[in-house]
C-alpha cells in the first residue's frame, strides 16, 4: 500500500471544503433521498460531502485518493434556540466563518470569528489523521447553534 502524503491530503481537504459548501461549489444530484451533495475533484483526489436535513442536519465527507476512500468526517448540527438564530442566519455565519478559516489554509486548530451580531467558535483536538470537535454560534453570550464532528484516516 502506498504511503499517503498527509500534507497533500490536508491541503486538498481545505481546497475541497472551500470550493463546495463554503464556496457554493459543484452540487450533484442527490445520492440518497432528500440529500444535498457536493463534489470536488482535482487530479487523483476526489471529495464528496453529503448531508440530510436543513436546520438540524447530519452528514459525511469522504476523500478518495486514486479511487480509494482514505479519509472521512461525520457531523451533526442543530439550532438550539430558534427564537435567537434562524437556519438562514446560522448558514450565513457558518459560511463566512469557514471561508475565513479556509483562507488561512486550514480546517483544524480552533477558530473564532465575529459575524455581527453573532460569534462563531470552533474547538477541536487531533490532526488530519484523527480529530474531533465542536463548532457553535453564540448570541449575547448564549449558544444558539452547535455542530459536533469527528473523523480521520480510513483504511
Foldseek 3Di string as FASTA:
>chain_A
DDDDDVVVVFLVVLVQVCAPLLNVHAWDDAPDPQKTWTWDDDVQKIKIWIWHDQQWIKIKMFMGGNRHTWKMKIKTKHFQACVQDPSVRVSVVVSVQSNVVSVVVGDADKDWDDDPPKIKTKHKDDDQAWIKIKIFIDGPNHTGMMMIMIMHTDD
